[in-house]
Amino acid sequence: MTFDAPESKIVRWGVLGCSRHALSRAVPAIQSSPNARILALASRDSRKAREVAAALHIPKWFDSYDALLGDPRIDAVYVPLPNHLHSFWSLRALGAGKHVLCEKPAALSGEEIVRVDAACAAASVLFMEGLAYRFHPQFEEVRRLMSEGAIGDLRLIRASFSYVLEPRHSPIKTSKSAGGGALADIGCYCIDLSCWLFGCRASNACVIRQQPIGREVDFLDVAIMDFDGGRMGLFDVAFSLPRRNHCELVGTDGTVEITEPFLSNVATSVIVTTQAAPMRMMEFAPIDPIRAQFEHFSQCILDGGSPVITLGQSLANAATFELLSSSQCDRGST
């Protein structure tokens, strides 16, 4: 899809790496956004970069990430690299004067986010963590319900997210050195949901992990997070259980259930149950929140606005992840 918007209304994007998610989801999302255009892609494998760029109609390719960052025509960079490289290449991109949208988790420690914040201030550029699920219209409805006190005071958030890891999935997901594991790969969604809706990081947290014999990382995690004031977050994530994707928000006067909180391009519903009124169900057709995410961040760049996913929220996520990662709960093997 092409658009005829003037160059002054277009953000020119570069993509670091050729991950499956980047090529199948993010690149098409950028290409279909009216205020964004993909200008270049970089891979350390020059043949792959050339072939992918040609196949996806990307004008330019580079055989190194630094070469892409040195192109003055590129306004913003998308970082979909393995988890352990997220903050490193985000910092290099910010230092090169590029705006950055970095895939979740933006960092594996709070200290890394503090450095990202400082780099944004020094270069006068924007950064946003890529949590596309938040851009689904169902969460506009959820936020409205919370602000209106539809279920009273929010006290408990429960979430489940799992799938069976298959050969087609990247081996990076099961590499300890690359920041793999179920907690980092999909637990970050559940962490963000609780930190976002409660408006703060967890003050205490604990996780019980199961790590299969012969594997480097956790395949099943059950976690509890304390947000003080009688507010708790619970979640389970797994690479070893059937597909599950669900969350429940429990307030003093009722509940809100979301049938598909973390996946895009699927039909979903928000179910509200209270003591004072009959159950209500709001249904949502499939959309692409990844495109909405790129449109939002691109517009922030063009207008000088602030991303809805703030660095403060990313800091809360990273700090809570650290609490869980350093948890002393018993760990099991399977």
Protein backbone atom coordinates (compact mmCIF):
# COMPACT_ATOMS: atom_id res chain seq x y z
CA MET A 1 0.00 0.00 0.00
CA THR A 2 1.35 3.45 -0.85
CA PHE A 3 0.35 6.94 0.27
CA ASP A 4 0.85 10.37 -1.25
CA ALA A 5 1.50 12.29 1.97
CA PRO A 6 4.23 14.97 1.73
CA GLU A 7 7.66 14.08 3.12
CA SER A 8 7.12 16.48 6.03
CA LYS A 9 4.25 14.25 7.19
CA ILE A 10 6.14 10.97 6.90
CA VAL A 11 8.50 9.27 9.36
CA ARG A 12 11.24 7.32 7.58
CA TRP A 13 11.97 4.04 9.36
CA GLY A 14 14.90 1.68 9.52
CA VAL A 15 14.67 -1.88 10.88
CA LEU A 16 17.50 -3.68 12.66
CA GLY A 17 17.58 -7.40 11.90
CA CYS A 18 15.41 -9.88 10.04
CA SER A 19 13.42 -11.54 12.80
CA ARG A 20 10.28 -13.46 11.83
CA HIS A 21 8.09 -11.00 13.74
CA ALA A 22 9.74 -8.00 12.10
CA LEU A 23 9.33 -9.34 8.57
CA SER A 24 5.86 -10.84 8.90
CA ARG A 25 4.19 -8.26 11.15
CA ALA A 26 6.15 -5.06 11.75
CA VAL A 27 7.36 -4.28 8.22
CA PRO A 28 3.84 -4.69 6.71
CA ALA A 29 2.47 -2.54 9.56
CA ILE A 30 4.90 0.27 8.75
CA GLN A 31 4.21 -0.04 5.03
CA SER A 32 0.46 0.25 5.58
CA SER A 33 0.67 3.26 7.92
CA PRO A 34 -0.18 6.60 6.30
CA ASN A 35 2.42 8.53 8.32
CA ALA A 36 5.31 6.05 8.07
CA ARG A 37 7.58 4.68 5.39
CA ILE A 38 10.23 1.99 5.66
CA LEU A 39 13.45 3.22 4.10
CA ALA A 40 16.00 0.58 5.03
CA LEU A 41 16.70 -2.76 6.68
CA ALA A 42 19.97 -4.02 8.18
CA SER A 43 21.30 -7.52 8.76
CA ARG A 44 24.76 -8.82 9.55
CA ASP A 45 24.16 -11.31 6.74
CA SER A 46 24.49 -9.16 3.61
CA ARG A 47 22.90 -11.77 1.35
CA LYS A 48 19.87 -12.06 3.60
CA ALA A 49 19.55 -8.28 3.88
CA ARG A 50 19.64 -7.91 0.09
CA GLU A 51 17.14 -10.70 -0.54
CA VAL A 52 14.69 -9.59 2.17
CA ALA A 53 14.82 -5.97 1.06
CA ALA A 54 14.04 -7.00 -2.52
CA ALA A 55 11.23 -9.35 -1.48
CA LEU A 56 9.56 -6.77 0.78
CA HIS A 57 10.15 -3.77 -1.52
CA ILE A 58 12.39 -1.99 0.99
CA PRO A 59 14.43 0.66 -0.89
CA LYS A 60 17.78 0.14 0.83
CA TRP A 61 19.66 -2.50 2.81
CA PHE A 62 22.78 -2.46 4.99
CA ASP A 63 25.11 -5.24 6.09
CA SER A 64 25.62 -3.74 9.56
CA TYR A 65 23.39 -2.10 12.14
CA ASP A 66 25.79 0.81 12.61
CA ALA A 67 25.71 1.57 8.88
CA LEU A 68 21.94 1.91 9.02
CA LEU A 69 22.18 4.16 12.08
CA GLY A 70 24.60 6.37 10.16
CA ASP A 71 22.12 7.09 7.36
CA PRO A 72 20.91 10.69 7.92
CA ARG A 73 17.70 10.06 5.98
CA ILE A 74 16.37 7.65 8.61
CA ASP A 75 14.27 9.31 11.32
CA ALA A 76 13.32 6.34 13.50
CA VAL A 77 14.57 2.83 14.17
CA TYR A 78 12.66 -0.31 15.09
CA VAL A 79 14.62 -2.73 17.31
CA PRO A 80 13.23 -6.31 17.18
CA LEU A 81 16.51 -8.02 18.14
CA PRO A 82 16.98 -10.71 20.83
CA ASN A 83 16.09 -9.49 24.33
CA HIS A 84 19.67 -9.10 25.56
CA LEU A 85 20.41 -6.68 22.70
CA HIS A 86 17.38 -4.42 23.11
CA SER A 87 18.85 -1.74 25.34
CA PHE A 88 22.33 -1.90 23.73
CA TRP A 89 21.08 -1.13 20.23
CA SER A 90 18.41 1.24 21.47
CA LEU A 91 21.14 3.29 23.13
CA ARG A 92 23.27 3.25 19.98
CA ALA A 93 20.29 4.37 17.89
CA LEU A 94 19.38 7.12 20.34
CA GLY A 95 23.01 8.24 20.37
CA ALA A 96 22.83 8.50 16.58
CA GLY A 97 19.89 10.88 16.94
CA LYS A 98 17.20 8.37 15.93
CA HIS A 99 13.82 7.92 17.58
CA VAL A 100 13.43 4.33 18.76
CA LEU A 101 10.56 1.87 19.03
CA CYS A 102 12.01 -1.18 20.77
CA GLU A 103 10.25 -4.53 21.04
CA LYS A 104 9.23 -5.75 24.47
CA PRO A 105 10.87 -6.16 26.90
CA ALA A 106 12.65 -2.84 26.39
CA ALA A 107 15.24 -3.89 28.96
CA LEU A 108 16.03 -6.63 31.43
CA SER A 109 16.92 -4.22 34.24
CA GLY A 110 15.77 -0.87 35.56
CA GLU A 111 19.29 0.52 35.21
CA GLU A 112 19.13 0.01 31.45
CA ILE A 113 15.94 2.07 31.22
CA VAL A 114 17.54 4.86 33.26
CA ARG A 115 20.33 4.99 30.66
CA VAL A 116 17.78 5.04 27.83
CA ASP A 117 15.99 7.96 29.52
CA ALA A 118 19.25 9.90 29.77
CA ALA A 119 20.07 9.19 26.11
CA CYS A 120 16.64 10.45 25.00
CA ALA A 121 17.14 13.69 26.93
CA ALA A 122 20.65 14.19 25.55
CA ALA A 123 19.61 13.70 21.90
CA SER A 124 16.07 15.18 22.15
CA VAL A 125 14.53 12.05 20.68
CA LEU A 126 11.66 9.74 21.64
CA PHE A 127 11.64 6.14 22.82
CA MET A 128 8.75 3.71 23.23
CA GLU A 129 8.56 0.08 24.30
CA GLY A 130 6.74 -2.06 21.76
CA LEU A 131 3.69 -3.38 23.61
CA ALA A 132 1.27 -3.42 20.69
CA TYR A 133 -1.55 -5.10 22.62
CA ARG A 134 -2.24 -1.78 24.35
CA PHE A 135 -3.30 -0.23 21.05
CA HIS A 136 -6.24 -2.59 20.62
CA PRO A 137 -9.58 -0.72 21.02
CA GLN A 138 -10.63 -3.14 23.75
CA PHE A 139 -8.17 -1.49 26.11
CA GLU A 140 -9.70 1.93 25.46
CA GLU A 141 -12.91 0.37 26.75
CA VAL A 142 -11.12 -1.20 29.72
CA ARG A 143 -9.55 2.12 30.69
CA ARG A 144 -12.94 3.82 30.42
CA LEU A 145 -14.50 1.20 32.68
CA MET A 146 -11.71 1.63 35.22
CA SER A 147 -11.94 5.44 35.20
CA GLU A 148 -15.73 5.28 35.70
CA GLY A 149 -15.36 2.89 38.61
CA ALA A 150 -17.50 0.28 36.86
CA ILE A 151 -16.15 -2.50 39.09
CA GLY A 152 -15.20 -0.37 42.09
CA ASP A 153 -11.57 -0.23 43.20
CA LEU A 154 -9.28 -2.54 41.25
CA ARG A 155 -7.77 -5.06 43.64
CA LEU A 156 -6.61 -8.12 41.66
CA ILE A 157 -5.30 -8.73 38.14
CA ARG A 158 -5.04 -12.33 36.94
CA ALA A 159 -3.54 -13.23 33.57
CA SER A 160 -2.58 -16.38 31.67
CA PHE A 161 -0.56 -16.58 28.47
CA SER A 162 0.86 -19.80 27.06
CA TYR A 163 1.64 -21.75 23.91
CA VAL A 164 3.58 -24.88 23.00
CA LEU A 165 7.02 -24.02 21.67
CA GLU A 166 7.49 -25.52 18.20
CA PRO A 167 10.51 -25.98 15.90
CA ARG A 168 9.41 -22.97 13.83
CA HIS A 169 9.92 -20.70 16.82
CA SER A 170 13.28 -19.00 17.13
CA PRO A 171 15.92 -20.86 19.20
CA ILE A 172 16.65 -17.50 20.79
CA LYS A 173 13.54 -18.01 22.92
CA THR A 174 15.32 -20.85 24.71
CA SER A 175 18.77 -19.27 24.96
CA LYS A 176 19.77 -18.04 28.40
CA SER A 177 22.50 -15.75 27.06
CA ALA A 178 20.01 -14.12 24.68
CA GLY A 179 17.54 -13.31 27.47
CA GLY A 180 15.14 -16.10 26.57
CA GLY A 181 12.62 -17.95 28.69
CA ALA A 182 8.88 -17.75 29.17
CA LEU A 183 9.09 -15.01 31.80
CA ALA A 184 11.01 -12.64 29.54
CA ASP A 185 9.30 -13.60 26.30
CA ILE A 186 5.63 -13.51 27.31
CA GLY A 187 5.64 -12.76 31.04
CA CYS A 188 6.50 -9.17 30.11
CA TYR A 189 2.93 -8.74 28.83
CA CYS A 190 1.44 -9.79 32.15
CA ILE A 191 3.91 -7.62 34.07
CA ASP A 192 3.07 -4.60 31.93
CA LEU A 193 -0.68 -5.11 32.26
CA SER A 194 -0.48 -5.05 36.07
CA CYS A 195 2.03 -2.19 36.32
CA TRP A 196 0.03 -0.15 33.80
CA LEU A 197 -3.41 -0.58 35.34
CA PHE A 198 -2.15 -0.22 38.92
CA GLY A 199 0.01 2.73 37.89
CA CYS A 200 3.24 1.63 39.59
CA ARG A 201 5.89 -1.05 39.86
CA ALA A 202 5.47 -4.02 42.20
CA SER A 203 6.92 -3.53 45.68
CA ASN A 204 7.47 -7.26 46.11
CA ALA A 205 7.25 -10.23 43.77
CA CYS A 206 7.86 -13.94 43.66
CA VAL A 207 7.84 -16.56 40.91
CA ILE A 208 7.99 -20.34 40.85
CA ARG A 209 9.68 -21.61 37.70
CA GLN A 210 9.85 -24.93 35.94
CA GLN A 211 12.87 -25.51 33.74
CA PRO A 212 12.91 -28.71 31.69
CA ILE A 213 15.94 -30.93 32.15
CA GLY A 214 18.46 -30.15 29.42
CA ARG A 215 17.03 -26.66 28.80
CA GLU A 216 18.71 -23.35 29.67
CA VAL A 217 15.58 -21.36 30.50
CA ASP A 218 12.22 -21.47 32.25
CA PHE A 219 9.31 -23.01 30.34
CA LEU A 220 6.61 -22.43 32.98
CA ASP A 221 6.31 -19.57 35.48
CA VAL A 222 3.66 -18.85 38.10
CA ALA A 223 4.09 -15.40 39.62
CA ILE A 224 2.59 -13.16 42.29
CA MET A 225 3.20 -9.41 42.56
CA ASP A 226 2.36 -7.09 45.45
CA PHE A 227 1.42 -3.53 44.51
CA ASP A 228 0.63 -2.42 48.08
CA GLY A 229 -2.70 -1.08 49.30
CA GLY A 230 -4.30 -4.51 49.03
CA ARG A 231 -3.57 -4.76 45.28
CA MET A 232 -2.13 -7.94 43.79
CA GLY A 233 -1.17 -9.26 40.38
CA LEU A 234 -1.07 -12.97 39.54
CA PHE A 235 -0.04 -14.61 36.28
CA ASP A 236 1.16 -17.80 34.68
CA VAL A 237 3.04 -18.08 31.41
CA ALA A 238 4.37 -21.12 29.61
CA PHE A 239 6.12 -22.51 26.55
CA SER A 240 4.81 -25.97 27.47
CA LEU A 241 1.03 -25.59 27.83
CA PRO A 242 -1.75 -25.30 25.23
CA ARG A 243 -2.64 -21.89 23.86
CA ARG A 244 -4.18 -19.73 26.59
CA ASN A 245 -4.63 -15.97 26.47
CA HIS A 246 -6.91 -14.48 29.08
CA CYS A 247 -7.06 -11.94 31.87
CA GLU A 248 -9.46 -10.95 34.63
CA LEU A 249 -9.61 -7.64 36.48
CA VAL A 250 -11.27 -7.97 39.88
CA GLY A 251 -12.60 -4.94 41.69
CA THR A 252 -14.49 -4.40 44.91
CA ASP A 253 -17.82 -4.34 43.01
CA GLY A 254 -17.31 -6.67 40.03
CA THR A 255 -15.03 -8.07 37.35
CA VAL A 256 -13.87 -7.39 33.81
CA GLU A 257 -12.74 -10.34 31.70
CA ILE A 258 -10.79 -9.97 28.46
CA THR A 259 -10.86 -13.08 26.31
CA GLU A 260 -7.85 -12.28 24.10
CA PRO A 261 -5.78 -9.55 25.76
CA PHE A 262 -2.34 -10.13 24.26
CA LEU A 263 -2.82 -11.42 20.71
CA SER A 264 -3.59 -9.31 17.66
CA ASN A 265 -5.66 -10.00 14.55
CA VAL A 266 -8.19 -12.10 16.46
CA ALA A 267 -11.75 -11.44 17.56
CA THR A 268 -12.04 -10.66 21.25
CA SER A 269 -14.52 -9.58 23.87
CA VAL A 270 -14.68 -7.64 27.13
CA ILE A 271 -17.13 -9.04 29.68
CA VAL A 272 -18.27 -6.91 32.62
CA THR A 273 -19.97 -8.53 35.61
CA THR A 274 -21.17 -6.57 38.64
CA GLN A 275 -23.51 -7.19 41.55
CA ALA A 276 -25.71 -4.26 40.55
CA ALA A 277 -26.28 -4.94 36.84
CA PRO A 278 -26.65 -7.81 34.35
CA MET A 279 -23.54 -9.12 32.63
CA ARG A 280 -22.45 -7.03 29.65
CA MET A 281 -20.34 -8.25 26.74
CA MET A 282 -18.58 -5.98 24.24
CA GLU A 283 -17.20 -7.70 21.15
CA PHE A 284 -14.33 -6.48 18.98
CA ALA A 285 -13.50 -7.53 15.43
CA PRO A 286 -9.92 -8.44 14.51
CA ILE A 287 -7.63 -5.45 13.92
CA ASP A 288 -3.88 -4.90 13.67
CA PRO A 289 -2.67 -3.11 16.82
CA ILE A 290 0.90 -3.27 15.52
CA ARG A 291 -0.03 -0.85 12.75
CA ALA A 292 -1.80 1.35 15.31
CA GLN A 293 1.35 1.31 17.43
CA PHE A 294 3.55 2.51 14.55
CA GLU A 295 1.00 5.15 13.53
CA HIS A 296 0.87 6.47 17.10
CA PHE A 297 4.64 6.64 17.58
CA SER A 298 5.17 8.15 14.13
CA GLN A 299 2.61 10.84 14.88
CA CYS A 300 4.33 11.60 18.19
CA ILE A 301 7.57 12.14 16.25
CA LEU A 302 5.86 14.41 13.71
CA ASP A 303 3.94 16.45 16.29
CA GLY A 304 6.45 16.43 19.14
CA GLY A 305 3.96 14.55 21.29
CA SER A 306 4.54 12.06 24.10
CA PRO A 307 4.12 8.31 23.55
CA VAL A 308 1.33 6.71 25.57
CA ILE A 309 3.76 4.05 26.76
CA THR A 310 6.13 6.19 28.79
CA LEU A 311 9.67 5.54 29.94
CA GLY A 312 8.33 5.65 33.47
CA GLN A 313 6.07 2.71 32.66
CA SER A 314 8.96 0.84 31.03
CA LEU A 315 11.01 1.45 34.16
CA ALA A 316 8.20 -0.03 36.30
CA ASN A 317 8.12 -3.07 33.99
CA ALA A 318 11.87 -3.61 34.09
CA ALA A 319 12.08 -3.14 37.86
CA THR A 320 9.26 -5.63 38.41
CA PHE A 321 10.89 -8.11 36.02
CA GLU A 322 14.09 -7.80 38.05
CA LEU A 323 12.19 -8.54 41.25
CA LEU A 324 10.73 -11.67 39.71
CA SER A 325 14.02 -12.76 38.13
CA SER A 326 15.81 -12.53 41.48
CA SER A 327 12.96 -14.22 43.36
CA GLN A 328 14.04 -16.86 45.87
CA CYS A 329 10.94 -19.06 45.48
CA ASP A 330 11.55 -22.75 44.93
CA ARG A 331 12.31 -23.78 41.38
CA GLY A 332 11.28 -27.06 39.85
CA SER A 333 12.58 -29.22 37.00
CA THR A 334 10.60 -31.37 34.60
